[in-house]
Amino acid sequence: MPWIEWIEEQDATGSLKESFDRVATEHGVDHILKIHSLNPRSLDDHYRLYASLMRGGSDLSRTEREMIAVVVSKVNGCFY
């Protein structure tokens, strides 16, 4: 399994802390976003893309989009 270095939430400062604060849920910052912690701008860009795909205008419901994400993750052997 590949290893990607990241900065933990409690160690974040400056613009990274601001980004983490924006994207955190009640469970903290998702790992898929933490992998961008060495480049906060890419974290922000990734999150904007995700938000647009999952919550932007579409003929698919949010539930349908989540179901597609789960199936793709399963096919790819990823924990979702």
N, C-alpha and C. Protein backbone atom coordinates (compact mmCIF):
# COMPACT_ATOMS: atom_id res chain seq x y z
N MET A 1 0.85 -1.18 0.00
CA MET A 1 0.00 0.00 0.00
C MET A 1 0.89 1.25 0.00
N PRO A 2 0.59 2.22 -0.86
CA PRO A 2 1.41 3.43 -0.91
C PRO A 2 1.23 4.26 0.36
N TRP A 3 2.23 5.04 0.66
CA TRP A 3 2.17 5.92 1.83
C TRP A 3 2.38 7.34 1.35
N ILE A 4 1.49 8.21 1.72
CA ILE A 4 1.59 9.62 1.38
C ILE A 4 1.73 10.39 2.68
N GLU A 5 2.78 11.15 2.79
CA GLU A 5 3.01 11.95 4.00
C GLU A 5 1.97 13.06 4.07
N TRP A 6 1.46 13.29 5.28
CA TRP A 6 0.55 14.41 5.48
C TRP A 6 0.76 15.03 6.85
N ILE A 7 0.17 16.19 7.01
CA ILE A 7 0.23 16.91 8.28
C ILE A 7 -1.09 16.66 9.00
N GLU A 8 -0.99 16.27 10.26
CA GLU A 8 -2.19 16.02 11.06
C GLU A 8 -2.87 17.35 11.41
N GLU A 9 -4.15 17.26 11.68
CA GLU A 9 -4.94 18.46 11.97
C GLU A 9 -4.37 19.28 13.13
N GLN A 10 -3.96 18.59 14.19
CA GLN A 10 -3.47 19.31 15.36
C GLN A 10 -2.13 20.00 15.10
N ASP A 11 -1.43 19.62 14.02
CA ASP A 11 -0.14 20.21 13.69
C ASP A 11 -0.24 21.28 12.61
N ALA A 12 -1.43 21.49 12.07
CA ALA A 12 -1.61 22.44 10.97
C ALA A 12 -1.53 23.88 11.49
N THR A 13 -0.91 24.72 10.68
CA THR A 13 -0.82 26.14 10.98
C THR A 13 -1.11 26.93 9.71
N GLY A 14 -1.30 28.23 9.87
CA GLY A 14 -1.45 29.13 8.72
C GLY A 14 -2.57 28.74 7.78
N SER A 15 -2.26 28.80 6.46
CA SER A 15 -3.29 28.54 5.46
C SER A 15 -3.79 27.09 5.50
N LEU A 16 -2.93 26.15 5.90
CA LEU A 16 -3.38 24.77 6.02
C LEU A 16 -4.43 24.64 7.11
N LYS A 17 -4.19 25.27 8.25
CA LYS A 17 -5.18 25.23 9.33
C LYS A 17 -6.50 25.83 8.87
N GLU A 18 -6.43 26.93 8.15
CA GLU A 18 -7.64 27.57 7.64
C GLU A 18 -8.39 26.62 6.69
N SER A 19 -7.64 25.94 5.82
CA SER A 19 -8.26 24.98 4.90
C SER A 19 -8.88 23.82 5.65
N PHE A 20 -8.15 23.27 6.61
CA PHE A 20 -8.68 22.17 7.41
C PHE A 20 -9.96 22.60 8.13
N ASP A 21 -9.95 23.81 8.68
CA ASP A 21 -11.14 24.31 9.38
C ASP A 21 -12.35 24.38 8.44
N ARG A 22 -12.11 24.74 7.17
CA ARG A 22 -13.20 24.86 6.19
C ARG A 22 -13.78 23.51 5.80
N VAL A 23 -12.93 22.48 5.72
CA VAL A 23 -13.40 21.19 5.17
C VAL A 23 -13.69 20.14 6.23
N ALA A 24 -13.38 20.42 7.47
CA ALA A 24 -13.57 19.43 8.54
C ALA A 24 -15.06 19.17 8.79
N THR A 25 -15.34 17.92 9.10
CA THR A 25 -16.68 17.52 9.52
C THR A 25 -16.61 17.21 11.02
N GLU A 26 -17.69 16.68 11.56
CA GLU A 26 -17.68 16.30 12.97
C GLU A 26 -16.68 15.18 13.24
N HIS A 27 -16.23 14.50 12.18
CA HIS A 27 -15.26 13.41 12.30
C HIS A 27 -13.83 13.87 11.98
N GLY A 28 -13.67 15.15 11.71
CA GLY A 28 -12.35 15.68 11.36
C GLY A 28 -12.21 15.84 9.85
N VAL A 29 -10.96 15.84 9.39
CA VAL A 29 -10.65 16.01 7.96
C VAL A 29 -10.47 14.64 7.33
N ASP A 30 -11.19 14.38 6.25
CA ASP A 30 -11.08 13.11 5.54
C ASP A 30 -9.66 12.88 5.05
N HIS A 31 -9.25 11.62 5.05
CA HIS A 31 -7.90 11.28 4.58
C HIS A 31 -7.66 11.72 3.14
N ILE A 32 -8.68 11.62 2.30
CA ILE A 32 -8.52 11.99 0.90
C ILE A 32 -8.16 13.47 0.77
N LEU A 33 -8.53 14.28 1.75
CA LEU A 33 -8.15 15.69 1.75
C LEU A 33 -6.82 15.90 2.46
N LYS A 34 -6.55 15.11 3.49
CA LYS A 34 -5.28 15.25 4.21
C LYS A 34 -4.07 15.00 3.32
N ILE A 35 -4.24 14.18 2.27
CA ILE A 35 -3.09 13.91 1.41
C ILE A 35 -2.60 15.17 0.69
N HIS A 36 -3.43 16.20 0.71
CA HIS A 36 -3.04 17.49 0.10
C HIS A 36 -2.42 18.45 1.12
N SER A 37 -2.20 18.00 2.32
CA SER A 37 -1.79 18.93 3.38
C SER A 37 -0.43 19.58 3.13
N LEU A 38 0.41 18.98 2.31
CA LEU A 38 1.69 19.61 1.99
C LEU A 38 1.53 20.69 0.93
N ASN A 39 0.32 20.79 0.36
CA ASN A 39 0.02 21.79 -0.65
C ASN A 39 -1.42 22.27 -0.44
N PRO A 40 -1.62 23.21 0.51
CA PRO A 40 -2.99 23.63 0.85
C PRO A 40 -3.82 24.11 -0.34
N ARG A 41 -3.18 24.70 -1.34
CA ARG A 41 -3.95 25.16 -2.51
C ARG A 41 -4.59 23.97 -3.22
N SER A 42 -3.84 22.86 -3.34
CA SER A 42 -4.43 21.69 -4.00
C SER A 42 -5.56 21.11 -3.15
N LEU A 43 -5.46 21.21 -1.83
CA LEU A 43 -6.55 20.77 -0.95
C LEU A 43 -7.81 21.57 -1.24
N ASP A 44 -7.65 22.88 -1.31
CA ASP A 44 -8.81 23.75 -1.59
C ASP A 44 -9.40 23.45 -2.96
N ASP A 45 -8.54 23.26 -3.97
CA ASP A 45 -9.02 22.96 -5.32
C ASP A 45 -9.75 21.62 -5.35
N HIS A 46 -9.18 20.61 -4.69
CA HIS A 46 -9.80 19.29 -4.64
C HIS A 46 -11.18 19.38 -3.98
N TYR A 47 -11.25 20.11 -2.87
CA TYR A 47 -12.52 20.22 -2.17
C TYR A 47 -13.57 20.94 -3.02
N ARG A 48 -13.17 22.00 -3.73
CA ARG A 48 -14.13 22.71 -4.59
C ARG A 48 -14.65 21.78 -5.70
N LEU A 49 -13.75 20.97 -6.29
CA LEU A 49 -14.17 20.02 -7.31
C LEU A 49 -15.15 19.01 -6.73
N TYR A 50 -14.79 18.44 -5.57
CA TYR A 50 -15.66 17.46 -4.90
C TYR A 50 -17.03 18.08 -4.61
N ALA A 51 -17.05 19.27 -4.04
CA ALA A 51 -18.32 19.92 -3.69
C ALA A 51 -19.17 20.16 -4.93
N SER A 52 -18.53 20.55 -6.02
CA SER A 52 -19.26 20.78 -7.26
C SER A 52 -19.85 19.48 -7.80
N LEU A 53 -19.05 18.41 -7.78
CA LEU A 53 -19.52 17.12 -8.29
C LEU A 53 -20.63 16.53 -7.43
N MET A 54 -20.51 16.66 -6.13
CA MET A 54 -21.46 16.00 -5.23
C MET A 54 -22.67 16.86 -4.89
N ARG A 55 -22.52 18.18 -4.93
CA ARG A 55 -23.63 19.05 -4.52
C ARG A 55 -24.04 20.07 -5.57
N GLY A 56 -23.32 20.11 -6.70
CA GLY A 56 -23.65 21.05 -7.76
C GLY A 56 -24.84 20.57 -8.57
N GLY A 57 -25.23 21.37 -9.52
CA GLY A 57 -26.35 21.02 -10.38
C GLY A 57 -26.10 19.73 -11.15
N SER A 58 -27.10 18.87 -11.20
CA SER A 58 -26.96 17.59 -11.89
C SER A 58 -28.33 16.93 -12.03
N ASP A 59 -28.43 16.05 -13.02
CA ASP A 59 -29.65 15.24 -13.14
C ASP A 59 -29.65 14.11 -12.13
N LEU A 60 -28.49 13.83 -11.52
CA LEU A 60 -28.39 12.78 -10.50
C LEU A 60 -28.65 13.36 -9.12
N SER A 61 -29.33 12.59 -8.29
CA SER A 61 -29.55 13.02 -6.90
C SER A 61 -28.26 12.85 -6.11
N ARG A 62 -28.20 13.45 -4.95
CA ARG A 62 -27.04 13.28 -4.07
C ARG A 62 -26.86 11.80 -3.71
N THR A 63 -27.96 11.12 -3.46
CA THR A 63 -27.91 9.69 -3.14
C THR A 63 -27.32 8.89 -4.30
N GLU A 64 -27.75 9.18 -5.51
CA GLU A 64 -27.22 8.47 -6.68
C GLU A 64 -25.72 8.72 -6.83
N ARG A 65 -25.30 9.96 -6.61
CA ARG A 65 -23.86 10.28 -6.71
C ARG A 65 -23.06 9.54 -5.66
N GLU A 66 -23.59 9.47 -4.44
CA GLU A 66 -22.90 8.73 -3.37
C GLU A 66 -22.83 7.24 -3.70
N MET A 67 -23.91 6.71 -4.26
CA MET A 67 -23.91 5.29 -4.64
C MET A 67 -22.85 5.00 -5.70
N ILE A 68 -22.70 5.88 -6.67
CA ILE A 68 -21.67 5.72 -7.69
C ILE A 68 -20.29 5.76 -7.04
N ALA A 69 -20.07 6.69 -6.12
CA ALA A 69 -18.78 6.79 -5.44
C ALA A 69 -18.46 5.51 -4.66
N VAL A 70 -19.45 4.94 -4.01
CA VAL A 70 -19.24 3.70 -3.25
C VAL A 70 -18.87 2.55 -4.18
N VAL A 71 -19.59 2.42 -5.29
CA VAL A 71 -19.32 1.33 -6.23
C VAL A 71 -17.93 1.49 -6.84
N VAL A 72 -17.57 2.69 -7.26
CA VAL A 72 -16.25 2.91 -7.85
C VAL A 72 -15.16 2.62 -6.83
N SER A 73 -15.35 3.04 -5.59
CA SER A 73 -14.37 2.75 -4.55
C SER A 73 -14.23 1.26 -4.33
N LYS A 74 -15.34 0.54 -4.31
CA LYS A 74 -15.31 -0.91 -4.13
C LYS A 74 -14.56 -1.58 -5.28
N VAL A 75 -14.88 -1.20 -6.49
CA VAL A 75 -14.22 -1.77 -7.67
C VAL A 75 -12.71 -1.50 -7.61
N ASN A 76 -12.33 -0.33 -7.14
CA ASN A 76 -10.91 0.04 -7.05
C ASN A 76 -10.23 -0.51 -5.80
N GLY A 77 -10.99 -1.20 -4.95
CA GLY A 77 -10.41 -1.75 -3.72
C GLY A 77 -10.08 -0.69 -2.68
N CYS A 78 -10.79 0.43 -2.74
CA CYS A 78 -10.56 1.52 -1.79
C CYS A 78 -11.59 1.47 -0.68
N PHE A 79 -11.16 1.85 0.52
CA PHE A 79 -12.09 2.02 1.63
C PHE A 79 -12.79 3.34 1.42
N TYR A 80 -14.10 3.35 1.45
CA TYR A 80 -14.85 4.58 1.26
C TYR A 80 -15.67 4.88 2.49
